[in-house]
PDB file of N, CA and C in Angstrom:
ATOM      1  N   UNK A   1       9.678  13.997  -2.478  1.00  0.00           N
ATOM      2  CA  UNK A   1       9.430  12.658  -1.978  1.00  0.00           C
ATOM      3  C   UNK A   1      10.481  12.274  -0.951  1.00  0.00           C
ATOM      4  N   UNK A   2      10.078  11.463  -0.018  1.00  0.00           N
ATOM      5  CA  UNK A   2      10.964  10.960   1.020  1.00  0.00           C
ATOM      6  C   UNK A   2      11.919   9.929   0.437  1.00  0.00           C
ATOM      7  N   UNK A   3      13.181  10.060   0.747  1.00  0.00           N
ATOM      8  CA  UNK A   3      14.177   9.077   0.339  1.00  0.00           C
ATOM      9  C   UNK A   3      14.845   8.580   1.607  1.00  0.00           C
ATOM     10  N   UNK A   4      14.485   7.406   2.062  1.00  0.00           N
ATOM     11  CA  UNK A   4      14.943   6.872   3.329  1.00  0.00           C
ATOM     12  C   UNK A   4      16.439   6.831   3.481  1.00  0.00           C
ATOM     13  N   UNK A   5      17.152   6.628   2.409  1.00  0.00           N
ATOM     14  CA  UNK A   5      18.592   6.504   2.509  1.00  0.00           C
ATOM     15  C   UNK A   5      19.262   7.861   2.778  1.00  0.00           C
ATOM     16  N   UNK A   6      18.512   8.957   2.770  1.00  0.00           N
ATOM     17  CA  UNK A   6      19.092  10.276   3.013  1.00  0.00           C
ATOM     18  C   UNK A   6      18.907  10.749   4.450  1.00  0.00           C
ATOM     19  N   UNK A   7      18.136  10.041   5.266  1.00  0.00           N
ATOM     20  CA  UNK A   7      17.839  10.494   6.622  1.00  0.00           C
ATOM     21  C   UNK A   7      18.388   9.508   7.650  1.00  0.00           C
ATOM     22  N   UNK A   8      19.159   9.988   8.623  1.00  0.00           N
ATOM     23  CA  UNK A   8      19.648   9.096   9.674  1.00  0.00           C
ATOM     24  C   UNK A   8      18.485   8.444  10.418  1.00  0.00           C
ATOM     25  N   UNK A   9      18.604   7.153  10.680  1.00  0.00           N
ATOM     26  CA  UNK A   9      17.564   6.428  11.411  1.00  0.00           C
ATOM     27  C   UNK A   9      16.349   6.062  10.583  1.00  0.00           C
ATOM     28  N   UNK A  10      16.351   6.402   9.312  1.00  0.00           N
ATOM     29  CA  UNK A  10      15.209   6.113   8.451  1.00  0.00           C
ATOM     30  C   UNK A  10      15.309   4.692   7.908  1.00  0.00           C
ATOM     31  N   UNK A  11      14.245   4.246   7.284  1.00  0.00           N
ATOM     32  CA  UNK A  11      14.246   2.930   6.648  1.00  0.00           C
ATOM     33  C   UNK A  11      15.278   2.902   5.526  1.00  0.00           C
ATOM     34  N   UNK A  12      15.885   1.779   5.334  1.00  0.00           N
ATOM     35  CA  UNK A  12      16.884   1.620   4.264  1.00  0.00           C
ATOM     36  C   UNK A  12      16.244   0.848   3.113  1.00  0.00           C
ATOM     37  N   UNK A  13      15.483   1.548   2.302  1.00  0.00           N
ATOM     38  CA  UNK A  13      14.769   0.932   1.192  1.00  0.00           C
ATOM     39  C   UNK A  13      15.125   1.647  -0.100  1.00  0.00           C
ATOM     40  N   UNK A  14      15.220   0.885  -1.148  1.00  0.00           N
ATOM     41  CA  UNK A  14      15.508   1.444  -2.461  1.00  0.00           C
ATOM     42  C   UNK A  14      14.253   1.403  -3.324  1.00  0.00           C
ATOM     43  N   UNK A  15      14.145   2.343  -4.281  1.00  0.00           N
ATOM     44  CA  UNK A  15      13.000   2.299  -5.190  1.00  0.00           C
ATOM     45  C   UNK A  15      12.851   0.925  -5.828  1.00  0.00           C
ATOM     46  N   UNK A  16      11.639   0.495  -5.989  1.00  0.00           N
ATOM     47  CA  UNK A  16      11.223  -0.763  -6.604  1.00  0.00           C
ATOM     48  C   UNK A  16      11.311  -1.958  -5.650  1.00  0.00           C
ATOM     49  N   UNK A  17      11.815  -1.762  -4.406  1.00  0.00           N
ATOM     50  CA  UNK A  17      11.685  -2.833  -3.419  1.00  0.00           C
ATOM     51  C   UNK A  17      10.199  -2.968  -3.122  1.00  0.00           C
ATOM     52  N   UNK A  18       9.800  -4.098  -2.575  1.00  0.00           N
ATOM     53  CA  UNK A  18       8.373  -4.310  -2.358  1.00  0.00           C
ATOM     54  C   UNK A  18       8.111  -5.159  -1.124  1.00  0.00           C
ATOM     55  N   UNK A  19       6.884  -5.072  -0.654  1.00  0.00           N
ATOM     56  CA  UNK A  19       6.370  -5.937   0.407  1.00  0.00           C
ATOM     57  C   UNK A  19       4.932  -6.285   0.048  1.00  0.00           C
ATOM     58  N   UNK A  20       4.472  -7.420   0.542  1.00  0.00           N
ATOM     59  CA  UNK A  20       3.063  -7.757   0.371  1.00  0.00           C
ATOM     60  C   UNK A  20       2.278  -7.101   1.490  1.00  0.00           C
ATOM     61  N   UNK A  21       1.163  -6.474   1.139  1.00  0.00           N
ATOM     62  CA  UNK A  21       0.324  -5.818   2.141  1.00  0.00           C
ATOM     63  C   UNK A  21      -1.128  -6.245   2.000  1.00  0.00           C
ATOM     64  N   UNK A  22      -1.792  -6.292   3.149  1.00  0.00           N
ATOM     65  CA  UNK A  22      -3.250  -6.314   3.145  1.00  0.00           C
ATOM     66  C   UNK A  22      -3.616  -4.862   2.887  1.00  0.00           C
ATOM     67  N   UNK A  23      -4.219  -4.559   1.751  1.00  0.00           N
ATOM     68  CA  UNK A  23      -4.434  -3.186   1.307  1.00  0.00           C
ATOM     69  C   UNK A  23      -5.201  -2.372   2.340  1.00  0.00           C
ATOM     70  N   UNK A  24      -6.241  -2.942   2.914  1.00  0.00           N
ATOM     71  CA  UNK A  24      -7.079  -2.254   3.905  1.00  0.00           C
ATOM     72  C   UNK A  24      -7.304  -3.213   5.063  1.00  0.00           C
ATOM     73  N   UNK A  25      -6.793  -2.889   6.240  1.00  0.00           N
ATOM     74  CA  UNK A  25      -6.886  -3.834   7.358  1.00  0.00           C
ATOM     75  C   UNK A  25      -8.323  -4.136   7.768  1.00  0.00           C
ATOM     76  N   UNK A  26      -9.284  -3.334   7.329  1.00  0.00           N
ATOM     77  CA  UNK A  26     -10.691  -3.647   7.601  1.00  0.00           C
ATOM     78  C   UNK A  26     -11.186  -4.793   6.727  1.00  0.00           C
ATOM     79  N   UNK A  27     -10.356  -5.191   5.738  1.00  0.00           N
ATOM     80  CA  UNK A  27     -10.701  -6.275   4.822  1.00  0.00           C
ATOM     81  C   UNK A  27      -9.578  -7.300   4.774  1.00  0.00           C
ATOM     82  N   UNK A  28      -9.336  -7.993   5.893  1.00  0.00           N
ATOM     83  CA  UNK A  28      -8.256  -8.987   5.873  1.00  0.00           C
ATOM     84  C   UNK A  28      -8.597 -10.136   4.928  1.00  0.00           C
ATOM     85  N   UNK A  29      -7.570 -10.808   4.472  1.00  0.00           N
ATOM     86  CA  UNK A  29      -7.795 -11.946   3.588  1.00  0.00           C
ATOM     87  C   UNK A  29      -6.480 -12.473   3.077  1.00  0.00           C
ATOM     88  N   UNK A  30      -6.586 -13.410   2.183  1.00  0.00           N
ATOM     89  CA  UNK A  30      -5.420 -14.023   1.561  1.00  0.00           C
ATOM     90  C   UNK A  30      -5.207 -13.430   0.178  1.00  0.00           C
ATOM     91  N   UNK A  31      -3.988 -13.563  -0.367  1.00  0.00           N
ATOM     92  CA  UNK A  31      -3.778 -13.085  -1.735  1.00  0.00           C
ATOM     93  C   UNK A  31      -4.814 -13.709  -2.671  1.00  0.00           C
ATOM     94  N   UNK A  32      -5.429 -12.881  -3.482  1.00  0.00           N
ATOM     95  CA  UNK A  32      -6.444 -13.346  -4.421  1.00  0.00           C
ATOM     96  C   UNK A  32      -7.864 -13.237  -3.913  1.00  0.00           C
ATOM     97  N   UNK A  33      -8.060 -13.186  -2.574  1.00  0.00           N
ATOM     98  CA  UNK A  33      -9.404 -12.956  -2.041  1.00  0.00           C
ATOM     99  C   UNK A  33      -9.850 -11.566  -2.465  1.00  0.00           C
ATOM    100  N   UNK A  34     -11.064 -11.441  -2.954  1.00  0.00           N
ATOM    101  CA  UNK A  34     -11.559 -10.149  -3.423  1.00  0.00           C
ATOM    102  C   UNK A  34     -12.059  -9.307  -2.261  1.00  0.00           C
ATOM    103  N   UNK A  35     -11.739  -8.028  -2.328  1.00  0.00           N
ATOM    104  CA  UNK A  35     -12.269  -7.037  -1.403  1.00  0.00           C
ATOM    105  C   UNK A  35     -13.003  -5.986  -2.214  1.00  0.00           C
ATOM    106  N   UNK A  36     -13.707  -5.095  -1.531  1.00  0.00           N
ATOM    107  CA  UNK A  36     -14.406  -3.997  -2.187  1.00  0.00           C
ATOM    108  C   UNK A  36     -13.851  -2.698  -1.616  1.00  0.00           C
ATOM    109  N   UNK A  37     -13.358  -1.832  -2.491  1.00  0.00           N
ATOM    110  CA  UNK A  37     -12.662  -0.621  -2.075  1.00  0.00           C
ATOM    111  C   UNK A  37     -13.351   0.625  -2.593  1.00  0.00           C
ATOM    112  N   UNK A  38     -13.165   1.713  -1.826  1.00  0.00           N
ATOM    113  CA  UNK A  38     -13.708   3.012  -2.221  1.00  0.00           C
ATOM    114  C   UNK A  38     -12.677   4.087  -1.916  1.00  0.00           C
ATOM    115  N   UNK A  39     -12.883   5.271  -2.458  1.00  0.00           N
ATOM    116  CA  UNK A  39     -11.970   6.395  -2.245  1.00  0.00           C
ATOM    117  C   UNK A  39     -11.923   6.780  -0.770  1.00  0.00           C
ATOM    118  N   UNK A  40     -10.735   7.190  -0.326  1.00  0.00           N
ATOM    119  CA  UNK A  40     -10.607   7.727   1.018  1.00  0.00           C
ATOM    120  C   UNK A  40      -9.368   7.237   1.729  1.00  0.00           C
ATOM    121  N   UNK A  41      -9.264   7.591   3.009  1.00  0.00           N
ATOM    122  CA  UNK A  41      -8.124   7.135   3.802  1.00  0.00           C
ATOM    123  C   UNK A  41      -8.088   5.607   3.857  1.00  0.00           C
ATOM    124  N   UNK A  42      -6.872   5.064   3.924  1.00  0.00           N
ATOM    125  CA  UNK A  42      -6.728   3.615   3.986  1.00  0.00           C
ATOM    126  C   UNK A  42      -5.594   3.266   4.950  1.00  0.00           C
ATOM    127  N   UNK A  43      -5.788   2.178   5.665  1.00  0.00           N
ATOM    128  CA  UNK A  43      -4.771   1.666   6.585  1.00  0.00           C
ATOM    129  C   UNK A  43      -4.457   0.240   6.173  1.00  0.00           C
ATOM    130  N   UNK A  44      -3.238   0.025   5.686  1.00  0.00           N
ATOM    131  CA  UNK A  44      -2.797  -1.293   5.257  1.00  0.00           C
ATOM    132  C   UNK A  44      -1.890  -1.925   6.298  1.00  0.00           C
ATOM    133  N   UNK A  45      -1.665  -3.226   6.156  1.00  0.00           N
ATOM    134  CA  UNK A  45      -0.789  -3.953   7.070  1.00  0.00           C
ATOM    135  C   UNK A  45       0.156  -4.813   6.246  1.00  0.00           C
ATOM    136  N   UNK A  46       1.443  -4.754   6.592  1.00  0.00           N
ATOM    137  CA  UNK A  46       2.425  -5.570   5.877  1.00  0.00           C
ATOM    138  C   UNK A  46       2.122  -7.039   6.165  1.00  0.00           C
ATOM    139  N   UNK A  47       1.824  -7.779   5.105  1.00  0.00           N
ATOM    140  CA  UNK A  47       1.431  -9.181   5.165  1.00  0.00           C
ATOM    141  C   UNK A  47       2.658 -10.083   5.178  1.00  0.00           C
ATOM    142  N   UNK A  48       3.655  -9.697   4.395  1.00  0.00           N
ATOM    143  CA  UNK A  48       4.884 -10.460   4.282  1.00  0.00           C
ATOM    144  C   UNK A  48       6.024  -9.453   4.219  1.00  0.00           C
ATOM    145  N   UNK A  49       6.713  -9.260   5.353  1.00  0.00           N
ATOM    146  CA  UNK A  49       7.680  -8.186   5.482  1.00  0.00           C
ATOM    147  C   UNK A  49       9.081  -8.514   5.028  1.00  0.00           C
ATOM    148  N   UNK A  50       9.961  -7.562   5.310  1.00  0.00           N
ATOM    149  CA  UNK A  50      11.384  -7.646   5.002  1.00  0.00           C
ATOM    150  C   UNK A  50      12.158  -7.216   6.235  1.00  0.00           C
ATOM    151  N   UNK A  51      13.477  -7.277   6.146  1.00  0.00           N
ATOM    152  CA  UNK A  51      14.341  -6.960   7.280  1.00  0.00           C
ATOM    153  C   UNK A  51      13.994  -5.619   7.928  1.00  0.00           C
ATOM    154  N   UNK A  52      13.931  -4.563   7.147  1.00  0.00           N
ATOM    155  CA  UNK A  52      13.690  -3.228   7.694  1.00  0.00           C
ATOM    156  C   UNK A  52      12.212  -2.887   7.847  1.00  0.00           C
ATOM    157  N   UNK A  53      11.347  -3.714   7.320  1.00  0.00           N
ATOM    158  CA  UNK A  53       9.915  -3.437   7.349  1.00  0.00           C
ATOM    159  C   UNK A  53       9.185  -4.736   7.680  1.00  0.00           C
ATOM    160  N   UNK A  54       9.106  -5.076   8.975  1.00  0.00           N
ATOM    161  CA  UNK A  54       8.611  -6.394   9.364  1.00  0.00           C
ATOM    162  C   UNK A  54       7.109  -6.602   9.148  1.00  0.00           C
ATOM    163  N   UNK A  55       6.741  -7.860   9.083  1.00  0.00           N
ATOM    164  CA  UNK A  55       5.337  -8.235   9.039  1.00  0.00           C
ATOM    165  C   UNK A  55       4.632  -7.581  10.216  1.00  0.00           C
ATOM    166  N   UNK A  56       3.444  -7.053   9.962  1.00  0.00           N
ATOM    167  CA  UNK A  56       2.676  -6.380  11.006  1.00  0.00           C
ATOM    168  C   UNK A  56       2.831  -4.871  11.013  1.00  0.00           C
ATOM    169  N   UNK A  57       3.798  -4.343  10.252  1.00  0.00           N
ATOM    170  CA  UNK A  57       3.927  -2.890  10.123  1.00  0.00           C
ATOM    171  C   UNK A  57       2.624  -2.348   9.545  1.00  0.00           C
ATOM    172  N   UNK A  58       2.148  -1.240  10.076  1.00  0.00           N
ATOM    173  CA  UNK A  58       0.896  -0.634   9.623  1.00  0.00           C
ATOM    174  C   UNK A  58       1.219   0.573   8.750  1.00  0.00           C
ATOM    175  N   UNK A  59       0.595   0.627   7.573  1.00  0.00           N
ATOM    176  CA  UNK A  59       0.748   1.746   6.650  1.00  0.00           C
ATOM    177  C   UNK A  59      -0.481   2.642   6.723  1.00  0.00           C
ATOM    178  N   UNK A  60      -0.269   3.947   6.674  1.00  0.00           N
ATOM    179  CA  UNK A  60      -1.368   4.908   6.544  1.00  0.00           C
ATOM    180  C   UNK A  60      -1.253   5.581   5.192  1.00  0.00           C
ATOM    181  N   UNK A  61      -2.395   5.830   4.559  1.00  0.00           N
ATOM    182  CA  UNK A  61      -2.355   6.479   3.254  1.00  0.00           C
ATOM    183  C   UNK A  61      -3.733   6.790   2.726  1.00  0.00           C
ATOM    184  N   UNK A  62      -3.838   6.810   1.421  1.00  0.00           N
ATOM    185  CA  UNK A  62      -5.082   7.162   0.742  1.00  0.00           C
ATOM    186  C   UNK A  62      -5.275   6.235  -0.455  1.00  0.00           C
ATOM    187  N   UNK A  63      -6.537   5.975  -0.765  1.00  0.00           N
ATOM    188  CA  UNK A  63      -6.898   5.088  -1.865  1.00  0.00           C
ATOM    189  C   UNK A  63      -7.835   5.827  -2.815  1.00  0.00           C
ATOM    190  N   UNK A  64      -7.620   5.630  -4.126  1.00  0.00           N
ATOM    191  CA  UNK A  64      -8.471   6.212  -5.156  1.00  0.00           C
ATOM    192  C   UNK A  64      -8.999   5.106  -6.052  1.00  0.00           C
ATOM    193  N   UNK A  65     -10.250   5.282  -6.497  1.00  0.00           N
ATOM    194  CA  UNK A  65     -10.853   4.319  -7.419  1.00  0.00           C
ATOM    195  C   UNK A  65     -11.436   4.997  -8.654  1.00  0.00           C
ATOM    196  N   UNK A  66     -11.341   6.319  -8.694  1.00  0.00           N
ATOM    197  CA  UNK A  66     -11.857   7.053  -9.849  1.00  0.00           C
ATOM    198  C   UNK A  66     -13.311   6.741 -10.106  1.00  0.00           C
ATOM    199  N   UNK A  67     -13.619   6.411 -11.317  1.00  0.00           N
ATOM    200  CA  UNK A  67     -14.991   6.107 -11.703  1.00  0.00           C
ATOM    201  C   UNK A  67     -15.271   4.601 -11.665  1.00  0.00           C
ATOM    202  N   UNK A  68     -14.467   3.879 -10.903  1.00  0.00           N
ATOM    203  CA  UNK A  68     -14.643   2.437 -10.797  1.00  0.00           C
ATOM    204  C   UNK A  68     -13.800   1.643 -11.768  1.00  0.00           C
ATOM    205  N   UNK A  69     -12.903   2.328 -12.502  1.00  0.00           N
ATOM    206  CA  UNK A  69     -12.110   1.646 -13.516  1.00  0.00           C
ATOM    207  C   UNK A  69     -10.664   1.403 -13.094  1.00  0.00           C
ATOM    208  N   UNK A  70     -10.293   1.825 -11.877  1.00  0.00           N
ATOM    209  CA  UNK A  70      -8.932   1.591 -11.412  1.00  0.00           C
ATOM    210  C   UNK A  70      -8.871   1.591  -9.893  1.00  0.00           C
ATOM    211  N   UNK A  71      -7.723   1.146  -9.384  1.00  0.00           N
ATOM    212  CA  UNK A  71      -7.426   1.226  -7.958  1.00  0.00           C
ATOM    213  C   UNK A  71      -5.998   1.739  -7.826  1.00  0.00           C
ATOM    214  N   UNK A  72      -5.819   2.734  -6.961  1.00  0.00           N
ATOM    215  CA  UNK A  72      -4.489   3.267  -6.674  1.00  0.00           C
ATOM    216  C   UNK A  72      -4.427   3.569  -5.183  1.00  0.00           C
ATOM    217  N   UNK A  73      -3.455   2.970  -4.505  1.00  0.00           N
ATOM    218  CA  UNK A  73      -3.241   3.241  -3.081  1.00  0.00           C
ATOM    219  C   UNK A  73      -1.847   3.811  -2.918  1.00  0.00           C
ATOM    220  N   UNK A  74      -1.755   4.855  -2.104  1.00  0.00           N
ATOM    221  CA  UNK A  74      -0.460   5.459  -1.768  1.00  0.00           C
ATOM    222  C   UNK A  74      -0.350   5.503  -0.254  1.00  0.00           C
ATOM    223  N   UNK A  75       0.706   4.904   0.254  1.00  0.00           N
ATOM    224  CA  UNK A  75       0.954   4.886   1.690  1.00  0.00           C
ATOM    225  C   UNK A  75       2.079   5.861   2.001  1.00  0.00           C
ATOM    226  N   UNK A  76       1.860   6.741   2.986  1.00  0.00           N
ATOM    227  CA  UNK A  76       2.817   7.803   3.286  1.00  0.00           C
ATOM    228  C   UNK A  76       3.448   7.689   4.669  1.00  0.00           C
ATOM    229  N   UNK A  77       2.930   6.818   5.523  1.00  0.00           N
ATOM    230  CA  UNK A  77       3.515   6.597   6.842  1.00  0.00           C
ATOM    231  C   UNK A  77       3.568   5.113   7.149  1.00  0.00           C
ATOM    232  N   UNK A  78       4.654   4.714   7.814  1.00  0.00           N
ATOM    233  CA  UNK A  78       4.796   3.339   8.303  1.00  0.00           C
ATOM    234  C   UNK A  78       4.872   3.403   9.824  1.00  0.00           C
ATOM    235  N   UNK A  79       4.006   2.630  10.481  1.00  0.00           N
ATOM    236  CA  UNK A  79       3.988   2.531  11.942  1.00  0.00           C
ATOM    237  C   UNK A  79       4.570   1.157  12.275  1.00  0.00           C
ATOM    238  N   UNK A  80       5.844   1.156  12.649  1.00  0.00           N
ATOM    239  CA  UNK A  80       6.561  -0.096  12.883  1.00  0.00           C
ATOM    240  C   UNK A  80       6.190  -0.724  14.219  1.00  0.00           C
ATOM    241  N   UNK A  81       6.312  -2.053  14.325  1.00  0.00           N
ATOM    242  CA  UNK A  81       5.981  -2.749  15.575  1.00  0.00           C
ATOM    243  C   UNK A  81       6.775  -2.244  16.785  1.00  0.00           C
ATOM    244  N   UNK A  82       7.960  -1.635  16.560  1.00  0.00           N
ATOM    245  CA  UNK A  82       8.751  -1.137  17.687  1.00  0.00           C
ATOM    246  C   UNK A  82       8.293   0.244  18.170  1.00  0.00           C
ATOM    247  N   UNK A  83       7.209   0.768  17.565  1.00  0.00           N
ATOM    248  CA  UNK A  83       6.641   2.042  17.999  1.00  0.00           C
ATOM    249  C   UNK A  83       7.033   3.246  17.157  1.00  0.00           C
ATOM    250  N   UNK A  84       8.031   3.101  16.280  1.00  0.00           N
ATOM    251  CA  UNK A  84       8.426   4.229  15.438  1.00  0.00           C
ATOM    252  C   UNK A  84       7.405   4.458  14.328  1.00  0.00           C
ATOM    253  N   UNK A  85       7.216   5.735  13.978  1.00  0.00           N
ATOM    254  CA  UNK A  85       6.421   6.115  12.819  1.00  0.00           C
ATOM    255  C   UNK A  85       7.348   6.871  11.890  1.00  0.00           C
ATOM    256  N   UNK A  86       7.434   6.395  10.640  1.00  0.00           N
ATOM    257  CA  UNK A  86       8.350   6.980   9.670  1.00  0.00           C
ATOM    258  C   UNK A  86       7.623   7.311   8.373  1.00  0.00           C
ATOM    259  N   UNK A  87       8.053   8.383   7.688  1.00  0.00           N
ATOM    260  CA  UNK A  87       7.472   8.663   6.374  1.00  0.00           C
ATOM    261  C   UNK A  87       7.962   7.646   5.353  1.00  0.00           C
ATOM    262  N   UNK A  88       7.079   7.258   4.449  1.00  0.00           N
ATOM    263  CA  UNK A  88       7.425   6.321   3.375  1.00  0.00           C
ATOM    264  C   UNK A  88       6.708   6.746   2.099  1.00  0.00           C
ATOM    265  N   UNK A  89       7.116   6.177   1.004  1.00  0.00           N
ATOM    266  CA  UNK A  89       6.436   6.330  -0.280  1.00  0.00           C
ATOM    267  C   UNK A  89       6.260   4.932  -0.863  1.00  0.00           C
ATOM    268  N   UNK A  90       5.135   4.303  -0.551  1.00  0.00           N
ATOM    269  CA  UNK A  90       4.779   2.995  -1.089  1.00  0.00           C
ATOM    270  C   UNK A  90       3.507   3.151  -1.890  1.00  0.00           C
ATOM    271  N   UNK A  91       3.382   2.370  -2.960  1.00  0.00           N
ATOM    272  CA  UNK A  91       2.183   2.434  -3.779  1.00  0.00           C
ATOM    273  C   UNK A  91       1.762   1.039  -4.240  1.00  0.00           C
ATOM    274  N   UNK A  92       0.460   0.845  -4.345  1.00  0.00           N
ATOM    275  CA  UNK A  92      -0.098  -0.314  -5.050  1.00  0.00           C
ATOM    276  C   UNK A  92      -0.229   0.165  -6.489  1.00  0.00           C
ATOM    277  N   UNK A  93       0.400  -0.521  -7.403  1.00  0.00           N
ATOM    278  CA  UNK A  93       0.445  -0.074  -8.786  1.00  0.00           C
ATOM    279  C   UNK A  93       1.754   0.652  -9.019  1.00  0.00           C
ATOM    280  N   UNK A  94       2.817  -0.098  -9.239  1.00  0.00           N
ATOM    281  CA  UNK A  94       4.171   0.471  -9.359  1.00  0.00           C
ATOM    282  C   UNK A  94       4.270   1.533 -10.446  1.00  0.00           C
ATOM    283  N   UNK A  95       3.545   1.334 -11.543  1.00  0.00           N
ATOM    284  CA  UNK A  95       3.620   2.268 -12.664  1.00  0.00           C
ATOM    285  C   UNK A  95       2.342   3.074 -12.842  1.00  0.00           C
ATOM    286  N   UNK A  96       1.502   3.088 -11.830  1.00  0.00           N
ATOM    287  CA  UNK A  96       0.235   3.799 -11.906  1.00  0.00           C
ATOM    288  C   UNK A  96      -0.892   2.904 -11.442  1.00  0.00           C
ATOM    289  N   UNK A  97      -2.117   3.348 -11.639  1.00  0.00           N
ATOM    290  CA  UNK A  97      -3.274   2.575 -11.166  1.00  0.00           C
ATOM    291  C   UNK A  97      -3.310   1.164 -11.738  1.00  0.00           C
ATOM    292  N   UNK A  98      -3.916   0.252 -10.962  1.00  0.00           N
ATOM    293  CA  UNK A  98      -4.096  -1.122 -11.409  1.00  0.00           C
ATOM    294  C   UNK A  98      -5.540  -1.329 -11.845  1.00  0.00           C
ATOM    295  N   UNK A  99      -5.721  -2.306 -12.711  1.00  0.00           N
ATOM    296  CA  UNK A  99      -7.058  -2.611 -13.226  1.00  0.00           C
ATOM    297  C   UNK A  99      -7.822  -3.441 -12.201  1.00  0.00           C
ATOM    298  N   UNK A 100      -9.050  -3.055 -11.875  1.00  0.00           N
ATOM    299  CA  UNK A 100      -9.830  -3.815 -10.887  1.00  0.00           C
ATOM    300  C   UNK A 100     -10.417  -5.085 -11.495  1.00  0.00           C
ATOM    301  N   UNK A 101     -11.000  -5.898 -10.617  1.00  0.00           N
ATOM    302  CA  UNK A 101     -11.701  -7.102 -11.059  1.00  0.00           C
ATOM    303  C   UNK A 101     -12.983  -6.705 -11.788  1.00  0.00           C
ATOM    304  N   UNK A 102     -13.493  -7.652 -12.567  1.00  0.00           N
ATOM    305  CA  UNK A 102     -14.773  -7.435 -13.255  1.00  0.00           C
ATOM    306  C   UNK A 102     -15.864  -7.175 -12.222  1.00  0.00           C
ATOM    307  N   UNK A 103     -16.921  -6.554 -12.672  1.00  0.00           N
ATOM    308  CA  UNK A 103     -18.075  -6.204 -11.840  1.00  0.00           C
ATOM    309  C   UNK A 103     -17.765  -5.097 -10.844  1.00  0.00           C
ATOM    310  N   UNK A 104     -16.686  -4.352 -11.067  1.00  0.00           N
ATOM    311  CA  UNK A 104     -16.421  -3.163 -10.258  1.00  0.00           C
ATOM    312  C   UNK A 104     -17.303  -2.036 -10.757  1.00  0.00           C
ATOM    313  N   UNK A 105     -17.593  -1.102  -9.873  1.00  0.00           N
ATOM    314  CA  UNK A 105     -18.398   0.053 -10.252  1.00  0.00           C
ATOM    315  C   UNK A 105     -17.965   1.252  -9.411  1.00  0.00           C
ATOM    316  N   UNK A 106     -18.374   2.451  -9.792  1.00  0.00           N
ATOM    317  CA  UNK A 106     -17.993   3.622  -9.002  1.00  0.00           C
ATOM    318  C   UNK A 106     -18.369   3.440  -7.529  1.00  0.00           C
ATOM    319  N   UNK A 107     -17.406   3.697  -6.661  1.00  0.00           N
ATOM    320  CA  UNK A 107     -17.647   3.565  -5.222  1.00  0.00           C
ATOM    321  C   UNK A 107     -17.560   2.152  -4.695  1.00  0.00           C
ATOM    322  N   UNK A 108     -17.313   1.178  -5.557  1.00  0.00           N
ATOM    323  CA  UNK A 108     -17.230  -0.226  -5.129  1.00  0.00           C
ATOM    324  C   UNK A 108     -16.317  -0.997  -6.086  1.00  0.00           C
ATOM    325  N   UNK A 109     -15.022  -0.727  -5.988  1.00  0.00           N
ATOM    326  CA  UNK A 109     -14.045  -1.398  -6.843  1.00  0.00           C
ATOM    327  C   UNK A 109     -13.636  -2.715  -6.196  1.00  0.00           C
ATOM    328  N   UNK A 110     -13.754  -3.781  -6.964  1.00  0.00           N
ATOM    329  CA  UNK A 110     -13.353  -5.106  -6.494  1.00  0.00           C
ATOM    330  C   UNK A 110     -11.908  -5.356  -6.914  1.00  0.00           C
ATOM    331  N   UNK A 111     -11.097  -5.831  -5.935  1.00  0.00           N
ATOM    332  CA  UNK A 111      -9.684  -6.087  -6.197  1.00  0.00           C
ATOM    333  C   UNK A 111      -9.167  -7.015  -5.110  1.00  0.00           C
ATOM    334  N   UNK A 112      -8.007  -7.584  -5.324  1.00  0.00           N
ATOM    335  CA  UNK A 112      -7.399  -8.469  -4.334  1.00  0.00           C
ATOM    336  C   UNK A 112      -7.198  -7.743  -3.003  1.00  0.00           C
ATOM    337  N   UNK A 113      -7.479  -8.426  -1.910  1.00  0.00           N
ATOM    338  CA  UNK A 113      -7.276  -7.828  -0.582  1.00  0.00           C
ATOM    339  C   UNK A 113      -5.797  -7.697  -0.240  1.00  0.00           C
ATOM    340  N   UNK A 114      -4.951  -8.544  -0.831  1.00  0.00           N
ATOM    341  CA  UNK A 114      -3.509  -8.511  -0.593  1.00  0.00           C
ATOM    342  C   UNK A 114      -2.819  -8.297  -1.939  1.00  0.00           C
ATOM    343  N   UNK A 115      -1.876  -7.358  -1.955  1.00  0.00           N
ATOM    344  CA  UNK A 115      -1.125  -7.109  -3.182  1.00  0.00           C
ATOM    345  C   UNK A 115       0.276  -6.619  -2.810  1.00  0.00           C
ATOM    346  N   UNK A 116       1.069  -6.386  -3.812  1.00  0.00           N
ATOM    347  CA  UNK A 116       2.433  -5.902  -3.618  1.00  0.00           C
ATOM    348  C   UNK A 116       2.417  -4.386  -3.542  1.00  0.00           C
ATOM    349  N   UNK A 117       3.068  -3.834  -2.523  1.00  0.00           N
ATOM    350  CA  UNK A 117       3.276  -2.389  -2.412  1.00  0.00           C
ATOM    351  C   UNK A 117       4.742  -2.121  -2.734  1.00  0.00           C
ATOM    352  N   UNK A 118       4.968  -1.170  -3.637  1.00  0.00           N
ATOM    353  CA  UNK A 118       6.316  -0.868  -4.104  1.00  0.00           C
ATOM    354  C   UNK A 118       6.812   0.446  -3.517  1.00  0.00           C
ATOM    355  N   UNK A 119       8.104   0.487  -3.199  1.00  0.00           N
ATOM    356  CA  UNK A 119       8.766   1.731  -2.829  1.00  0.00           C
ATOM    357  C   UNK A 119       8.918   2.549  -4.099  1.00  0.00           C
ATOM    358  N   UNK A 120       8.564   3.820  -4.036  1.00  0.00           N
ATOM    359  CA  UNK A 120       8.770   4.716  -5.167  1.00  0.00           C
ATOM    360  C   UNK A 120       9.471   5.983  -4.688  1.00  0.00           C
ATOM    361  N   UNK A 121      10.208   6.610  -5.574  1.00  0.00           N
ATOM    362  CA  UNK A 121      10.828   7.874  -5.207  1.00  0.00           C
ATOM    363  C   UNK A 121      10.014   9.062  -5.690  1.00  0.00           C
ATOM    364  N   UNK A 122       8.946   8.775  -6.446  1.00  0.00           N
ATOM    365  CA  UNK A 122       7.940   9.775  -6.815  1.00  0.00           C
ATOM    366  C   UNK A 122       6.660   9.030  -7.156  1.00  0.00           C
ATOM    367  N   UNK A 123       5.540   9.688  -6.973  1.00  0.00           N
ATOM    368  CA  UNK A 123       4.260   9.026  -7.209  1.00  0.00           C
ATOM    369  C   UNK A 123       4.039   8.796  -8.691  1.00  0.00           C
ATOM    370  N   UNK A 124       3.592   7.580  -9.052  1.00  0.00           N
ATOM    371  CA  UNK A 124       3.287   7.305 -10.461  1.00  0.00           C
ATOM    372  C   UNK A 124       2.009   8.024 -10.880  1.00  0.00           C
TER     373      UNK A 124
END
């Protein structure tokens, strides 16, 4: 796993730090607004940033929904507003997959469009 504090010029983030992200930029919304998610590549946007990871930073990664009973997003790249692209390890679900909203089904998991993405030093 990438550890930003070990690479010169990398982000200075510690495990368990977090930012709010719009999980999938194709589904913008406010915290609590429901979106519908499916397995595959995902592009998130930092909704509420921090010093080293400003609002508007774009995350690239992958999203899993299994059989419709969970949601797990892992972001592996951050595209910063200043043009830099850096490796990262951010996840929705700090300790593993999160439980979706009711009425979710395989291929159509309902969950908040905005959630907290956590820095991890290994995937949960």
